[in-house]
């Protein structure tokens, strides 16, 4: 989704830093290491989902297929 969003931003002529992502901006390496030590999945999608859950003000609706 981020790639599509970045393509649309560029198509609109809005300047954006190369290589920026939600994970790079919002991650806390210590927290993520704690999650992986607890044997939670360490792939990007799982980490991004966990970041959304832990930084949301309300209860995010996430459906795992």
N, C-alpha and C. Protein backbone atom coordinates (compact mmCIF):
# COMPACT_ATOMS: atom_id res chain seq x y z
N UNK A 1 0.82 -1.19 0.00
CA UNK A 1 0.00 0.00 0.00
C UNK A 1 0.87 1.25 0.00
N UNK A 2 1.99 1.19 0.71
CA UNK A 2 2.86 2.35 0.75
C UNK A 2 3.42 2.67 -0.63
N UNK A 3 3.75 1.64 -1.41
CA UNK A 3 4.29 1.87 -2.74
C UNK A 3 3.27 2.57 -3.63
N UNK A 4 2.02 2.13 -3.56
CA UNK A 4 0.96 2.76 -4.35
C UNK A 4 0.75 4.21 -3.90
N UNK A 5 0.79 4.43 -2.61
CA UNK A 5 0.63 5.77 -2.06
C UNK A 5 1.75 6.68 -2.55
N UNK A 6 2.99 6.18 -2.53
CA UNK A 6 4.13 6.98 -2.97
C UNK A 6 4.04 7.29 -4.46
N UNK A 7 3.58 6.33 -5.27
CA UNK A 7 3.41 6.58 -6.71
C UNK A 7 2.38 7.68 -6.94
N UNK A 8 1.28 7.64 -6.21
CA UNK A 8 0.22 8.65 -6.35
C UNK A 8 0.73 10.02 -5.92
N UNK A 9 1.48 10.06 -4.83
CA UNK A 9 2.06 11.32 -4.34
C UNK A 9 2.96 11.94 -5.42
N UNK A 10 3.83 11.10 -6.01
CA UNK A 10 4.74 11.58 -7.05
C UNK A 10 3.98 12.05 -8.29
N UNK A 11 2.91 11.31 -8.65
CA UNK A 11 2.09 11.68 -9.80
C UNK A 11 1.43 13.04 -9.60
N UNK A 12 1.13 13.36 -8.35
CA UNK A 12 0.51 14.65 -8.03
C UNK A 12 1.55 15.77 -7.93
N UNK A 13 2.83 15.42 -8.02
CA UNK A 13 3.89 16.42 -7.98
C UNK A 13 4.29 16.84 -6.58
N UNK A 14 3.93 16.04 -5.58
CA UNK A 14 4.28 16.35 -4.20
C UNK A 14 5.65 15.74 -3.91
N UNK A 15 6.54 16.53 -3.35
CA UNK A 15 7.88 16.03 -3.04
C UNK A 15 7.84 15.17 -1.79
N UNK A 16 8.56 14.06 -1.85
CA UNK A 16 8.64 13.14 -0.72
C UNK A 16 10.05 12.56 -0.67
N UNK A 17 10.55 12.34 0.51
CA UNK A 17 11.88 11.76 0.67
C UNK A 17 11.89 10.33 0.16
N UNK A 18 12.96 9.96 -0.52
CA UNK A 18 13.10 8.59 -1.02
C UNK A 18 13.32 7.63 0.15
N UNK A 19 12.71 6.47 0.07
CA UNK A 19 12.92 5.43 1.06
C UNK A 19 12.17 5.62 2.37
N UNK A 20 11.28 6.60 2.45
CA UNK A 20 10.53 6.82 3.68
C UNK A 20 9.45 5.74 3.79
N UNK A 21 9.23 5.27 5.00
CA UNK A 21 8.18 4.27 5.24
C UNK A 21 7.64 4.44 6.66
N UNK A 22 6.45 3.91 6.87
CA UNK A 22 5.84 3.98 8.19
C UNK A 22 6.74 3.29 9.22
N UNK A 23 7.29 2.15 8.85
CA UNK A 23 8.11 1.39 9.79
C UNK A 23 9.35 2.18 10.19
N UNK A 24 10.02 2.81 9.24
CA UNK A 24 11.22 3.58 9.55
C UNK A 24 10.93 4.77 10.46
N UNK A 25 9.77 5.37 10.31
CA UNK A 25 9.43 6.55 11.10
C UNK A 25 8.91 6.18 12.49
N UNK A 26 8.09 5.15 12.58
CA UNK A 26 7.37 4.87 13.82
C UNK A 26 7.93 3.73 14.66
N UNK A 27 8.90 2.99 14.13
CA UNK A 27 9.36 1.82 14.87
C UNK A 27 10.21 2.19 16.09
N UNK A 28 10.13 1.34 17.08
CA UNK A 28 10.99 1.42 18.26
C UNK A 28 11.77 0.11 18.29
N UNK A 29 13.07 0.16 17.93
CA UNK A 29 13.83 -1.09 17.81
C UNK A 29 13.81 -1.97 19.05
N UNK A 30 13.78 -1.38 20.23
CA UNK A 30 13.76 -2.18 21.47
C UNK A 30 12.45 -2.94 21.58
N UNK A 31 11.34 -2.28 21.28
CA UNK A 31 10.03 -2.94 21.35
C UNK A 31 9.94 -4.06 20.32
N UNK A 32 10.41 -3.80 19.12
CA UNK A 32 10.36 -4.82 18.07
C UNK A 32 11.23 -6.02 18.45
N UNK A 33 12.38 -5.77 19.04
CA UNK A 33 13.24 -6.86 19.49
C UNK A 33 12.54 -7.68 20.57
N UNK A 34 11.81 -7.01 21.46
CA UNK A 34 11.04 -7.70 22.50
C UNK A 34 9.99 -8.61 21.87
N UNK A 35 9.31 -8.10 20.84
CA UNK A 35 8.30 -8.91 20.14
C UNK A 35 8.93 -10.15 19.51
N UNK A 36 10.07 -9.97 18.85
CA UNK A 36 10.70 -11.12 18.19
C UNK A 36 11.27 -12.11 19.20
N UNK A 37 11.74 -11.63 20.35
CA UNK A 37 12.22 -12.54 21.39
C UNK A 37 11.06 -13.35 21.98
N UNK A 38 9.85 -12.80 21.92
CA UNK A 38 8.66 -13.52 22.38
C UNK A 38 8.11 -14.45 21.29
N UNK A 39 8.91 -14.63 20.23
CA UNK A 39 8.60 -15.52 19.11
C UNK A 39 7.41 -15.06 18.28
N UNK A 40 7.16 -13.77 18.26
CA UNK A 40 6.15 -13.23 17.35
C UNK A 40 6.78 -13.09 15.98
N UNK A 41 5.98 -13.11 14.91
CA UNK A 41 6.54 -13.03 13.56
C UNK A 41 7.36 -11.75 13.37
N UNK A 42 8.45 -11.85 12.60
CA UNK A 42 9.32 -10.70 12.42
C UNK A 42 9.30 -10.16 10.99
N UNK A 43 8.32 -10.60 10.18
CA UNK A 43 8.23 -10.07 8.83
C UNK A 43 7.67 -8.64 8.86
N UNK A 44 7.89 -7.89 7.78
CA UNK A 44 7.49 -6.48 7.74
C UNK A 44 6.00 -6.27 7.98
N UNK A 45 5.16 -7.10 7.37
CA UNK A 45 3.72 -6.94 7.52
C UNK A 45 3.30 -7.11 8.99
N UNK A 46 3.82 -8.11 9.66
CA UNK A 46 3.48 -8.33 11.07
C UNK A 46 3.94 -7.18 11.94
N UNK A 47 5.14 -6.68 11.69
CA UNK A 47 5.67 -5.57 12.48
C UNK A 47 4.86 -4.30 12.22
N UNK A 48 4.52 -4.04 10.95
CA UNK A 48 3.70 -2.86 10.64
C UNK A 48 2.33 -2.96 11.30
N UNK A 49 1.72 -4.14 11.28
CA UNK A 49 0.42 -4.33 11.93
C UNK A 49 0.53 -4.08 13.43
N UNK A 50 1.59 -4.58 14.05
CA UNK A 50 1.78 -4.38 15.49
C UNK A 50 1.99 -2.90 15.80
N UNK A 51 2.74 -2.20 14.97
CA UNK A 51 2.94 -0.75 15.17
C UNK A 51 1.60 -0.03 15.12
N UNK A 52 0.76 -0.38 14.14
CA UNK A 52 -0.56 0.25 14.04
C UNK A 52 -1.39 -0.02 15.28
N UNK A 53 -1.38 -1.26 15.75
CA UNK A 53 -2.18 -1.63 16.93
C UNK A 53 -1.70 -0.87 18.17
N UNK A 54 -0.40 -0.80 18.38
CA UNK A 54 0.13 -0.18 19.59
C UNK A 54 0.14 1.33 19.56
N UNK A 55 0.04 1.96 18.38
CA UNK A 55 0.04 3.42 18.31
C UNK A 55 -1.34 4.01 18.04
N UNK A 56 -2.34 3.17 17.88
CA UNK A 56 -3.70 3.66 17.62
C UNK A 56 -4.33 4.18 18.90
N UNK A 57 -5.13 5.20 18.75
CA UNK A 57 -5.86 5.75 19.90
C UNK A 57 -7.08 4.92 20.24
N UNK A 58 -7.63 4.28 19.23
CA UNK A 58 -8.80 3.43 19.43
C UNK A 58 -8.46 2.01 19.02
N UNK A 59 -9.46 1.20 18.82
CA UNK A 59 -9.25 -0.19 18.47
C UNK A 59 -9.27 -0.34 16.95
N UNK A 60 -8.11 -0.60 16.35
CA UNK A 60 -8.08 -0.74 14.89
C UNK A 60 -8.75 -2.04 14.45
N UNK A 61 -9.44 -1.98 13.34
CA UNK A 61 -10.05 -3.17 12.77
C UNK A 61 -9.05 -3.78 11.80
N UNK A 62 -8.54 -4.94 12.14
CA UNK A 62 -7.56 -5.63 11.29
C UNK A 62 -8.06 -7.05 11.11
N UNK A 63 -8.16 -7.46 9.87
CA UNK A 63 -8.65 -8.81 9.56
C UNK A 63 -7.48 -9.61 9.02
N UNK A 64 -7.15 -10.70 9.66
CA UNK A 64 -6.06 -11.56 9.24
C UNK A 64 -6.65 -12.68 8.40
N UNK A 65 -6.24 -12.76 7.13
CA UNK A 65 -6.86 -13.78 6.25
C UNK A 65 -6.53 -15.19 6.63
